[in-house]
């Protein structure tokens, strides 16, 4: 079973994922981390990115993330182009990962833009992690040492929580760690006991 975990920037998906990982035989696939690795290792992606964004997109064979982020977070068309280059390679990688982890209780597939890029099709169940907007903005400013304006720009490229939760099987409100732990345990028990 593949369980998608999504939520807007700053909602605390990583925290929730860590809590799940401590509960059993669970495989985790973090789309953003895998995409970053593949952007540095996949020749197919590298060639297409250089063609689209220019030689500066790589420095010493490593992705020049600030350069690329500066382009795509200000331009929806460029972001769509980047996604069209990277996502097919990530999907192939994810499909292999799923096949190689059928012995686990379930697979957690964490993707901030699960619905936006249509990768919810890989999931049997979906969990959306939410938090109040101010909490999310403060978390990202503190984590990424960035400005509120930058955070809001990134938020514009993601669906609102209200839209995500309508299409989710479970919702975790991640404000208090104690309450989040309780919610995670409840969902884990349902997933493993098939009380769906």
N, C-alpha and C. Protein backbone atom coordinates (compact mmCIF):
# COMPACT_ATOMS: atom_id res chain seq x y z
N UNK A 1 0.84 -1.19 0.00
CA UNK A 1 0.00 0.00 0.00
C UNK A 1 0.88 1.25 0.00
N UNK A 2 0.53 2.21 -0.86
CA UNK A 2 1.27 3.48 -0.92
C UNK A 2 0.40 4.56 -0.29
N UNK A 3 0.96 5.21 0.72
CA UNK A 3 0.25 6.27 1.44
C UNK A 3 0.94 7.59 1.15
N UNK A 4 0.24 8.48 0.48
CA UNK A 4 0.81 9.79 0.17
C UNK A 4 0.72 10.71 1.37
N UNK A 5 1.80 11.47 1.57
CA UNK A 5 1.77 12.52 2.60
C UNK A 5 2.04 13.83 1.87
N UNK A 6 1.11 14.77 2.02
CA UNK A 6 1.30 16.07 1.38
C UNK A 6 0.91 17.16 2.36
N UNK A 7 1.08 18.39 1.93
CA UNK A 7 0.79 19.54 2.78
C UNK A 7 1.59 20.71 2.27
N UNK A 8 1.11 21.90 2.54
CA UNK A 8 1.80 23.10 2.06
C UNK A 8 3.16 23.27 2.71
N UNK A 9 3.95 24.16 2.14
CA UNK A 9 5.27 24.47 2.67
C UNK A 9 5.13 24.92 4.13
N UNK A 10 5.96 24.36 5.00
CA UNK A 10 5.93 24.76 6.41
C UNK A 10 4.90 24.04 7.26
N UNK A 11 4.16 23.09 6.64
CA UNK A 11 3.13 22.39 7.42
C UNK A 11 3.73 21.36 8.37
N UNK A 12 4.97 20.93 8.10
CA UNK A 12 5.65 19.99 8.99
C UNK A 12 5.56 18.54 8.52
N UNK A 13 5.56 18.36 7.20
CA UNK A 13 5.51 16.99 6.63
C UNK A 13 6.68 16.14 7.11
N UNK A 14 7.86 16.74 7.19
CA UNK A 14 9.06 15.98 7.61
C UNK A 14 8.92 15.47 9.03
N UNK A 15 8.37 16.29 9.90
CA UNK A 15 8.15 15.89 11.30
C UNK A 15 7.19 14.70 11.34
N UNK A 16 6.10 14.81 10.60
CA UNK A 16 5.09 13.75 10.56
C UNK A 16 5.70 12.46 10.01
N UNK A 17 6.49 12.59 8.97
CA UNK A 17 7.14 11.43 8.35
C UNK A 17 8.04 10.72 9.37
N UNK A 18 8.81 11.50 10.13
CA UNK A 18 9.70 10.91 11.15
C UNK A 18 8.90 10.14 12.20
N UNK A 19 7.76 10.70 12.58
CA UNK A 19 6.92 10.04 13.58
C UNK A 19 6.40 8.70 13.06
N UNK A 20 6.00 8.67 11.80
CA UNK A 20 5.53 7.42 11.20
C UNK A 20 6.66 6.39 11.14
N UNK A 21 7.86 6.85 10.76
CA UNK A 21 8.99 5.93 10.56
C UNK A 21 9.33 5.14 11.83
N UNK A 22 9.03 5.73 12.98
CA UNK A 22 9.33 5.05 14.24
C UNK A 22 8.29 4.00 14.63
N UNK A 23 7.29 3.79 13.80
CA UNK A 23 6.16 2.94 14.21
C UNK A 23 6.14 1.54 13.62
N UNK A 24 7.00 1.24 12.68
CA UNK A 24 6.92 -0.11 12.11
C UNK A 24 7.78 -0.27 10.87
N UNK A 25 7.45 -1.29 10.11
CA UNK A 25 8.21 -1.60 8.90
C UNK A 25 7.66 -0.76 7.74
N UNK A 26 8.17 0.47 7.66
CA UNK A 26 7.64 1.42 6.70
C UNK A 26 8.77 1.93 5.80
N UNK A 27 8.53 1.90 4.50
CA UNK A 27 9.51 2.46 3.56
C UNK A 27 9.08 3.90 3.28
N UNK A 28 10.06 4.81 3.17
CA UNK A 28 9.70 6.20 2.90
C UNK A 28 10.38 6.70 1.63
N UNK A 29 9.62 7.41 0.84
CA UNK A 29 10.13 8.00 -0.40
C UNK A 29 9.80 9.49 -0.34
N UNK A 30 10.83 10.32 -0.26
CA UNK A 30 10.64 11.77 -0.17
C UNK A 30 10.92 12.36 -1.55
N UNK A 31 9.85 12.74 -2.24
CA UNK A 31 9.95 13.16 -3.64
C UNK A 31 10.98 14.27 -3.85
N UNK A 32 10.96 15.27 -2.99
CA UNK A 32 11.86 16.41 -3.16
C UNK A 32 13.33 15.99 -3.06
N UNK A 33 13.65 15.15 -2.06
CA UNK A 33 15.03 14.68 -1.89
C UNK A 33 15.47 13.82 -3.07
N UNK A 34 14.58 12.93 -3.51
CA UNK A 34 14.93 12.05 -4.64
C UNK A 34 15.09 12.86 -5.91
N UNK A 35 14.24 13.87 -6.10
CA UNK A 35 14.34 14.74 -7.28
C UNK A 35 15.68 15.48 -7.27
N UNK A 36 16.10 15.96 -6.08
CA UNK A 36 17.39 16.67 -5.98
C UNK A 36 18.54 15.74 -6.38
N UNK A 37 18.49 14.50 -5.88
CA UNK A 37 19.55 13.53 -6.22
C UNK A 37 19.56 13.27 -7.72
N UNK A 38 18.37 13.05 -8.27
CA UNK A 38 18.27 12.72 -9.70
C UNK A 38 18.68 13.90 -10.58
N UNK A 39 18.45 15.12 -10.12
CA UNK A 39 18.85 16.29 -10.90
C UNK A 39 20.38 16.39 -10.99
N UNK A 40 21.05 15.77 -10.03
CA UNK A 40 22.52 15.75 -10.08
C UNK A 40 23.08 14.49 -10.74
N UNK A 41 22.26 13.41 -10.79
CA UNK A 41 22.81 12.15 -11.31
C UNK A 41 22.28 11.73 -12.68
N UNK A 42 21.10 12.23 -13.05
CA UNK A 42 20.49 11.80 -14.32
C UNK A 42 20.99 12.64 -15.48
N UNK A 43 21.64 11.98 -16.43
CA UNK A 43 22.15 12.67 -17.63
C UNK A 43 21.00 13.25 -18.44
N UNK A 44 19.87 12.51 -18.48
CA UNK A 44 18.69 12.96 -19.23
C UNK A 44 18.22 14.31 -18.69
N UNK A 45 18.08 14.40 -17.36
CA UNK A 45 17.63 15.65 -16.74
C UNK A 45 18.66 16.75 -16.99
N UNK A 46 19.94 16.44 -16.77
CA UNK A 46 20.99 17.46 -16.92
C UNK A 46 20.99 18.07 -18.31
N UNK A 47 20.93 17.22 -19.33
CA UNK A 47 20.96 17.74 -20.71
C UNK A 47 19.77 18.65 -20.98
N UNK A 48 18.59 18.22 -20.53
CA UNK A 48 17.38 19.02 -20.79
C UNK A 48 17.40 20.34 -20.03
N UNK A 49 17.90 20.32 -18.78
CA UNK A 49 17.95 21.55 -17.99
C UNK A 49 18.92 22.56 -18.60
N UNK A 50 20.06 22.08 -19.05
CA UNK A 50 21.06 22.97 -19.68
C UNK A 50 20.46 23.59 -20.94
N UNK A 51 19.77 22.76 -21.71
CA UNK A 51 19.14 23.23 -22.95
C UNK A 51 18.09 24.32 -22.65
N UNK A 52 17.34 24.10 -21.59
CA UNK A 52 16.24 25.01 -21.25
C UNK A 52 16.69 26.25 -20.50
N UNK A 53 17.60 26.08 -19.52
CA UNK A 53 17.95 27.19 -18.62
C UNK A 53 19.36 27.73 -18.80
N UNK A 54 20.16 27.08 -19.65
CA UNK A 54 21.53 27.55 -19.91
C UNK A 54 22.57 26.83 -19.06
N UNK A 55 23.83 27.02 -19.45
CA UNK A 55 24.97 26.34 -18.81
C UNK A 55 25.08 26.63 -17.31
N UNK A 56 24.63 27.83 -16.92
CA UNK A 56 24.75 28.25 -15.51
C UNK A 56 23.96 27.39 -14.54
N UNK A 57 23.03 26.58 -15.08
CA UNK A 57 22.18 25.76 -14.21
C UNK A 57 22.98 24.69 -13.47
N UNK A 58 24.19 24.39 -13.97
CA UNK A 58 25.10 23.49 -13.26
C UNK A 58 26.43 24.18 -13.03
N UNK A 59 26.96 24.04 -11.82
CA UNK A 59 28.29 24.55 -11.48
C UNK A 59 29.11 23.36 -11.01
N UNK A 60 30.22 23.08 -11.68
CA UNK A 60 31.08 21.92 -11.33
C UNK A 60 30.25 20.64 -11.26
N UNK A 61 29.40 20.42 -12.25
CA UNK A 61 28.54 19.23 -12.35
C UNK A 61 27.52 19.09 -11.23
N UNK A 62 27.30 20.15 -10.46
CA UNK A 62 26.28 20.13 -9.41
C UNK A 62 25.22 21.17 -9.76
N UNK A 63 23.95 20.83 -9.48
CA UNK A 63 22.86 21.74 -9.78
C UNK A 63 23.04 23.06 -9.04
N UNK A 64 22.91 24.16 -9.76
CA UNK A 64 23.00 25.49 -9.17
C UNK A 64 21.59 25.89 -8.70
N UNK A 65 21.23 25.41 -7.53
CA UNK A 65 19.86 25.56 -7.03
C UNK A 65 19.41 27.02 -6.88
N UNK A 66 20.24 27.91 -6.31
CA UNK A 66 19.78 29.30 -6.18
C UNK A 66 19.46 29.93 -7.55
N UNK A 67 20.30 29.64 -8.54
CA UNK A 67 20.10 30.16 -9.89
C UNK A 67 18.76 29.68 -10.45
N UNK A 68 18.52 28.37 -10.31
CA UNK A 68 17.31 27.77 -10.85
C UNK A 68 16.06 28.26 -10.09
N UNK A 69 16.15 28.28 -8.76
CA UNK A 69 15.02 28.72 -7.92
C UNK A 69 14.63 30.15 -8.25
N UNK A 70 15.62 30.99 -8.49
CA UNK A 70 15.39 32.39 -8.82
C UNK A 70 14.56 32.53 -10.09
N UNK A 71 14.75 31.61 -11.02
CA UNK A 71 13.99 31.64 -12.28
C UNK A 71 12.58 31.08 -12.07
N UNK A 72 12.50 29.85 -11.52
CA UNK A 72 11.21 29.14 -11.53
C UNK A 72 10.19 29.63 -10.51
N UNK A 73 10.64 30.17 -9.37
CA UNK A 73 9.65 30.60 -8.38
C UNK A 73 9.02 31.94 -8.74
N UNK A 74 9.55 32.59 -9.78
CA UNK A 74 8.97 33.87 -10.22
C UNK A 74 8.19 33.71 -11.52
N UNK A 75 8.26 32.50 -12.11
CA UNK A 75 7.67 32.32 -13.43
C UNK A 75 7.00 30.94 -13.51
N UNK A 76 5.67 30.94 -13.51
CA UNK A 76 4.93 29.67 -13.49
C UNK A 76 5.21 28.81 -14.71
N UNK A 77 5.42 29.43 -15.86
CA UNK A 77 5.69 28.65 -17.08
C UNK A 77 7.03 27.94 -16.97
N UNK A 78 8.03 28.63 -16.43
CA UNK A 78 9.37 28.01 -16.26
C UNK A 78 9.30 26.88 -15.24
N UNK A 79 8.49 27.08 -14.18
CA UNK A 79 8.31 26.04 -13.17
C UNK A 79 7.66 24.80 -13.80
N UNK A 80 6.67 25.05 -14.65
CA UNK A 80 5.99 23.93 -15.33
C UNK A 80 6.97 23.18 -16.24
N UNK A 81 7.86 23.93 -16.89
CA UNK A 81 8.87 23.32 -17.77
C UNK A 81 9.83 22.45 -16.95
N UNK A 82 10.28 23.01 -15.81
CA UNK A 82 11.18 22.25 -14.92
C UNK A 82 10.51 20.96 -14.48
N UNK A 83 9.25 21.05 -14.05
CA UNK A 83 8.51 19.87 -13.59
C UNK A 83 8.35 18.84 -14.70
N UNK A 84 8.11 19.32 -15.92
CA UNK A 84 7.93 18.41 -17.06
C UNK A 84 9.22 17.66 -17.38
N UNK A 85 10.36 18.25 -17.04
CA UNK A 85 11.66 17.59 -17.27
C UNK A 85 11.95 16.59 -16.15
N UNK A 86 11.73 17.00 -14.91
CA UNK A 86 12.14 16.20 -13.74
C UNK A 86 11.13 15.10 -13.37
N UNK A 87 9.84 15.42 -13.38
CA UNK A 87 8.84 14.48 -12.87
C UNK A 87 8.82 13.10 -13.54
N UNK A 88 8.91 13.00 -14.87
CA UNK A 88 8.87 11.65 -15.46
C UNK A 88 10.00 10.74 -14.95
N UNK A 89 11.17 11.31 -14.74
CA UNK A 89 12.32 10.52 -14.24
C UNK A 89 12.07 10.11 -12.79
N UNK A 90 11.52 11.04 -12.00
CA UNK A 90 11.21 10.73 -10.59
C UNK A 90 10.13 9.65 -10.52
N UNK A 91 9.12 9.73 -11.39
CA UNK A 91 8.05 8.73 -11.38
C UNK A 91 8.58 7.32 -11.67
N UNK A 92 9.47 7.21 -12.64
CA UNK A 92 10.07 5.90 -12.96
C UNK A 92 10.82 5.36 -11.75
N UNK A 93 11.55 6.26 -11.09
CA UNK A 93 12.33 5.92 -9.90
C UNK A 93 11.39 5.46 -8.77
N UNK A 94 10.29 6.19 -8.58
CA UNK A 94 9.30 5.85 -7.55
C UNK A 94 8.67 4.48 -7.83
N UNK A 95 8.34 4.21 -9.08
CA UNK A 95 7.73 2.92 -9.42
C UNK A 95 8.67 1.76 -9.07
N UNK A 96 9.96 1.93 -9.33
CA UNK A 96 10.94 0.90 -8.96
C UNK A 96 10.99 0.74 -7.45
N UNK A 97 10.97 1.88 -6.73
CA UNK A 97 11.03 1.87 -5.27
C UNK A 97 9.83 1.10 -4.71
N UNK A 98 8.64 1.34 -5.26
CA UNK A 98 7.43 0.66 -4.80
C UNK A 98 7.57 -0.86 -5.01
N UNK A 99 8.03 -1.25 -6.18
CA UNK A 99 8.21 -2.69 -6.49
C UNK A 99 9.20 -3.35 -5.54
N UNK A 100 10.24 -2.60 -5.14
CA UNK A 100 11.29 -3.15 -4.28
C UNK A 100 10.93 -3.15 -2.79
N UNK A 101 9.77 -2.60 -2.44
CA UNK A 101 9.41 -2.51 -1.01
C UNK A 101 8.04 -3.10 -0.70
N UNK A 102 7.65 -4.12 -1.45
CA UNK A 102 6.34 -4.74 -1.24
C UNK A 102 6.25 -5.51 0.08
N UNK A 103 7.40 -5.78 0.69
CA UNK A 103 7.41 -6.53 1.96
C UNK A 103 7.11 -5.65 3.17
N UNK A 104 7.04 -4.35 3.00
CA UNK A 104 6.83 -3.43 4.12
C UNK A 104 5.33 -3.33 4.48
N UNK A 105 5.05 -2.83 5.69
CA UNK A 105 3.66 -2.60 6.11
C UNK A 105 2.97 -1.68 5.10
N UNK A 106 3.66 -0.61 4.77
CA UNK A 106 3.20 0.30 3.72
C UNK A 106 4.35 1.24 3.34
N UNK A 107 4.15 1.95 2.25
CA UNK A 107 5.16 2.90 1.76
C UNK A 107 4.60 4.31 1.96
N UNK A 108 5.39 5.18 2.59
CA UNK A 108 4.99 6.58 2.72
C UNK A 108 5.67 7.35 1.60
N UNK A 109 4.87 8.03 0.81
CA UNK A 109 5.36 8.80 -0.33
C UNK A 109 5.09 10.27 -0.03
N UNK A 110 6.15 11.00 0.35
CA UNK A 110 5.99 12.40 0.75
C UNK A 110 6.23 13.31 -0.45
N UNK A 111 5.23 14.15 -0.77
CA UNK A 111 5.34 15.04 -1.91
C UNK A 111 4.52 16.29 -1.63
N UNK A 112 5.19 17.44 -1.57
CA UNK A 112 4.50 18.71 -1.26
C UNK A 112 3.45 19.05 -2.31
N UNK A 113 3.71 18.64 -3.56
CA UNK A 113 2.77 18.98 -4.64
C UNK A 113 2.15 17.71 -5.23
N UNK A 114 1.74 16.83 -4.34
CA UNK A 114 1.16 15.53 -4.72
C UNK A 114 -0.03 15.68 -5.66
N UNK A 115 -0.95 16.58 -5.31
CA UNK A 115 -2.14 16.79 -6.15
C UNK A 115 -1.80 17.66 -7.36
N UNK A 116 -1.00 18.70 -7.12
CA UNK A 116 -0.71 19.66 -8.18
C UNK A 116 -0.05 19.00 -9.40
N UNK A 117 0.79 17.99 -9.15
CA UNK A 117 1.47 17.36 -10.29
C UNK A 117 0.89 16.00 -10.67
N UNK A 118 -0.26 15.66 -10.06
CA UNK A 118 -0.96 14.44 -10.47
C UNK A 118 -0.37 13.15 -9.94
N UNK A 119 0.59 13.24 -9.00
CA UNK A 119 1.20 12.00 -8.51
C UNK A 119 0.38 11.32 -7.42
N UNK A 120 -0.80 11.88 -7.11
CA UNK A 120 -1.72 11.21 -6.19
C UNK A 120 -2.21 9.89 -6.80
N UNK A 121 -2.03 9.72 -8.11
CA UNK A 121 -2.45 8.47 -8.77
C UNK A 121 -1.66 7.26 -8.27
N UNK A 122 -0.49 7.50 -7.67
CA UNK A 122 0.33 6.41 -7.14
C UNK A 122 -0.16 5.94 -5.77
N UNK A 123 -1.07 6.71 -5.16
CA UNK A 123 -1.42 6.48 -3.75
C UNK A 123 -2.74 5.73 -3.56
N UNK A 124 -2.72 4.83 -2.55
CA UNK A 124 -3.94 4.14 -2.14
C UNK A 124 -4.70 4.96 -1.12
N UNK A 125 -3.95 5.68 -0.29
CA UNK A 125 -4.52 6.56 0.73
C UNK A 125 -3.69 7.84 0.74
N UNK A 126 -4.31 8.95 1.18
CA UNK A 126 -3.58 10.22 1.22
C UNK A 126 -3.81 10.92 2.56
N UNK A 127 -2.69 11.42 3.13
CA UNK A 127 -2.71 12.19 4.37
C UNK A 127 -2.29 13.61 4.02
N UNK A 128 -3.08 14.59 4.43
CA UNK A 128 -2.65 15.98 4.26
C UNK A 128 -2.31 16.55 5.63
N UNK A 129 -1.13 17.16 5.71
CA UNK A 129 -0.66 17.79 6.95
C UNK A 129 -0.96 19.28 6.83
N UNK A 130 -1.63 19.82 7.85
CA UNK A 130 -1.98 21.24 7.81
C UNK A 130 -1.44 21.96 9.05
N UNK A 131 -1.44 23.28 8.96
CA UNK A 131 -1.10 24.15 10.09
C UNK A 131 -1.60 25.53 9.71
N UNK A 132 -1.86 26.40 10.68
CA UNK A 132 -2.30 27.76 10.34
C UNK A 132 -1.22 28.46 9.49
N UNK A 133 -1.68 29.35 8.60
CA UNK A 133 -0.75 30.01 7.67
C UNK A 133 0.40 30.71 8.38
N UNK A 134 0.10 31.42 9.46
CA UNK A 134 1.16 32.16 10.17
C UNK A 134 2.22 31.19 10.71
N UNK A 135 1.78 30.06 11.25
CA UNK A 135 2.71 29.04 11.77
C UNK A 135 3.60 28.55 10.64
N UNK A 136 3.00 28.27 9.47
CA UNK A 136 3.77 27.76 8.33
C UNK A 136 4.81 28.78 7.88
N UNK A 137 4.40 30.04 7.76
CA UNK A 137 5.32 31.09 7.30
C UNK A 137 6.48 31.24 8.27
N UNK A 138 6.16 31.30 9.58
CA UNK A 138 7.21 31.44 10.60
C UNK A 138 8.20 30.26 10.55
N UNK A 139 7.68 29.05 10.37
CA UNK A 139 8.55 27.86 10.31
C UNK A 139 9.53 27.96 9.14
N UNK A 140 9.01 28.36 7.97
CA UNK A 140 9.86 28.41 6.78
C UNK A 140 10.89 29.53 6.88
N UNK A 141 10.48 30.69 7.41
CA UNK A 141 11.43 31.81 7.58
C UNK A 141 12.56 31.36 8.49
N UNK A 142 12.21 30.70 9.58
CA UNK A 142 13.22 30.25 10.54
C UNK A 142 14.10 29.14 9.95
N UNK A 143 13.51 28.20 9.20
CA UNK A 143 14.24 27.06 8.63
C UNK A 143 15.14 27.47 7.47
N UNK A 144 14.60 28.29 6.56
CA UNK A 144 15.33 28.61 5.32
C UNK A 144 16.02 29.96 5.35
N UNK A 145 15.89 30.67 6.47
CA UNK A 145 16.47 32.02 6.59
C UNK A 145 16.07 32.87 5.39
N UNK A 146 14.78 32.94 5.17
CA UNK A 146 14.25 33.65 4.01
C UNK A 146 13.26 34.71 4.46
N UNK A 147 12.64 35.40 3.50
CA UNK A 147 11.69 36.46 3.85
C UNK A 147 10.26 35.97 3.71
N UNK A 148 9.34 36.69 4.34
CA UNK A 148 7.93 36.33 4.24
C UNK A 148 7.48 36.40 2.78
N UNK A 149 7.99 37.39 2.05
CA UNK A 149 7.62 37.55 0.63
C UNK A 149 8.01 36.30 -0.17
N UNK A 150 9.23 35.79 0.08
CA UNK A 150 9.70 34.59 -0.63
C UNK A 150 8.81 33.39 -0.31
N UNK A 151 8.46 33.25 0.97
CA UNK A 151 7.61 32.13 1.39
C UNK A 151 6.26 32.23 0.69
N UNK A 152 5.69 33.42 0.67
CA UNK A 152 4.38 33.61 0.03
C UNK A 152 4.45 33.31 -1.47
N UNK A 153 5.57 33.66 -2.11
CA UNK A 153 5.76 33.34 -3.54
C UNK A 153 5.70 31.84 -3.76
N UNK A 154 6.37 31.10 -2.87
CA UNK A 154 6.38 29.65 -3.01
C UNK A 154 5.00 29.06 -2.73
N UNK A 155 4.29 29.66 -1.77
CA UNK A 155 2.94 29.18 -1.44
C UNK A 155 1.98 29.33 -2.62
N UNK A 156 2.21 30.36 -3.43
CA UNK A 156 1.33 30.62 -4.60
C UNK A 156 1.34 29.45 -5.58
N UNK A 157 2.43 28.67 -5.57
CA UNK A 157 2.54 27.54 -6.51
C UNK A 157 1.93 26.26 -5.96
N UNK A 158 1.35 26.34 -4.76
CA UNK A 158 0.76 25.15 -4.15
C UNK A 158 -0.74 25.38 -3.92
N UNK A 159 -1.47 24.26 -3.95
CA UNK A 159 -2.91 24.35 -3.64
C UNK A 159 -3.10 24.78 -2.20
N UNK A 160 -4.25 25.40 -1.93
CA UNK A 160 -4.60 25.74 -0.55
C UNK A 160 -4.96 24.46 0.20
N UNK A 161 -4.74 24.46 1.54
CA UNK A 161 -5.05 23.29 2.37
C UNK A 161 -6.49 22.83 2.19
N UNK A 162 -7.41 23.82 2.10
CA UNK A 162 -8.83 23.48 2.00
C UNK A 162 -9.11 22.61 0.77
N UNK A 163 -8.39 22.85 -0.31
CA UNK A 163 -8.57 22.07 -1.53
C UNK A 163 -7.95 20.67 -1.38
N UNK A 164 -6.78 20.61 -0.72
CA UNK A 164 -6.10 19.32 -0.53
C UNK A 164 -6.88 18.40 0.40
N UNK A 165 -7.40 18.98 1.50
CA UNK A 165 -8.06 18.15 2.49
C UNK A 165 -9.33 17.50 1.94
N UNK A 166 -9.98 18.16 0.99
CA UNK A 166 -11.19 17.59 0.38
C UNK A 166 -10.90 16.27 -0.33
N UNK A 167 -9.65 16.11 -0.80
CA UNK A 167 -9.30 14.90 -1.56
C UNK A 167 -8.44 13.93 -0.75
N UNK A 168 -8.37 14.14 0.56
CA UNK A 168 -7.52 13.31 1.41
C UNK A 168 -8.34 12.34 2.26
N UNK A 169 -7.72 11.22 2.63
CA UNK A 169 -8.37 10.25 3.51
C UNK A 169 -8.19 10.64 4.97
N UNK A 170 -7.05 11.26 5.27
CA UNK A 170 -6.73 11.64 6.64
C UNK A 170 -6.15 13.05 6.65
N UNK A 171 -6.42 13.79 7.74
CA UNK A 171 -5.87 15.14 7.89
C UNK A 171 -5.18 15.20 9.25
N UNK A 172 -3.94 15.69 9.24
CA UNK A 172 -3.21 15.88 10.50
C UNK A 172 -2.98 17.37 10.68
N UNK A 173 -3.51 17.93 11.76
CA UNK A 173 -3.25 19.33 12.09
C UNK A 173 -1.99 19.36 12.95
N UNK A 174 -0.90 19.88 12.39
CA UNK A 174 0.41 19.78 13.03
C UNK A 174 0.81 21.10 13.69
N UNK A 175 0.28 21.31 14.91
CA UNK A 175 0.68 22.49 15.66
C UNK A 175 1.37 22.05 16.95
N UNK A 176 0.68 21.17 17.70
CA UNK A 176 1.26 20.65 18.94
C UNK A 176 1.84 19.26 18.66
N UNK A 177 3.10 19.06 19.01
CA UNK A 177 3.77 17.79 18.74
C UNK A 177 3.06 16.62 19.42
N UNK A 178 2.58 16.83 20.64
CA UNK A 178 1.87 15.77 21.36
C UNK A 178 0.63 15.33 20.60
N UNK A 179 -0.15 16.31 20.14
CA UNK A 179 -1.38 16.00 19.40
C UNK A 179 -1.05 15.36 18.05
N UNK A 180 0.03 15.83 17.43
CA UNK A 180 0.43 15.27 16.13
C UNK A 180 0.81 13.80 16.30
N UNK A 181 1.54 13.49 17.38
CA UNK A 181 1.93 12.10 17.65
C UNK A 181 0.69 11.21 17.80
N UNK A 182 -0.30 11.73 18.51
CA UNK A 182 -1.56 10.96 18.72
C UNK A 182 -2.25 10.69 17.38
N UNK A 183 -2.30 11.72 16.53
CA UNK A 183 -2.96 11.57 15.22
C UNK A 183 -2.21 10.56 14.34
N UNK A 184 -0.88 10.63 14.37
CA UNK A 184 -0.06 9.72 13.57
C UNK A 184 -0.29 8.28 14.01
N UNK A 185 -0.29 8.05 15.32
CA UNK A 185 -0.48 6.70 15.85
C UNK A 185 -1.84 6.13 15.45
N UNK A 186 -2.87 6.96 15.54
CA UNK A 186 -4.23 6.56 15.18
C UNK A 186 -4.29 6.13 13.70
N UNK A 187 -3.68 6.93 12.84
CA UNK A 187 -3.70 6.63 11.40
C UNK A 187 -2.88 5.36 11.12
N UNK A 188 -1.72 5.26 11.76
CA UNK A 188 -0.87 4.06 11.57
C UNK A 188 -1.64 2.80 11.95
N UNK A 189 -2.34 2.86 13.06
CA UNK A 189 -3.12 1.69 13.51
C UNK A 189 -4.20 1.32 12.50
N UNK A 190 -4.84 2.33 11.94
CA UNK A 190 -5.87 2.06 10.93
C UNK A 190 -5.24 1.45 9.67
N UNK A 191 -4.10 1.99 9.27
CA UNK A 191 -3.44 1.49 8.05
C UNK A 191 -2.97 0.04 8.22
N UNK A 192 -2.45 -0.28 9.40
CA UNK A 192 -1.90 -1.63 9.59
C UNK A 192 -2.96 -2.66 9.98
N UNK A 193 -4.07 -2.20 10.51
CA UNK A 193 -5.13 -3.16 10.89
C UNK A 193 -6.23 -3.23 9.84
N UNK A 194 -6.01 -2.49 8.74
CA UNK A 194 -6.99 -2.45 7.64
C UNK A 194 -8.38 -2.02 8.09
N UNK A 195 -8.40 -1.13 9.09
CA UNK A 195 -9.70 -0.60 9.53
C UNK A 195 -9.97 0.68 8.74
N UNK A 196 -9.92 0.54 7.41
CA UNK A 196 -10.02 1.73 6.58
C UNK A 196 -11.44 2.07 6.27
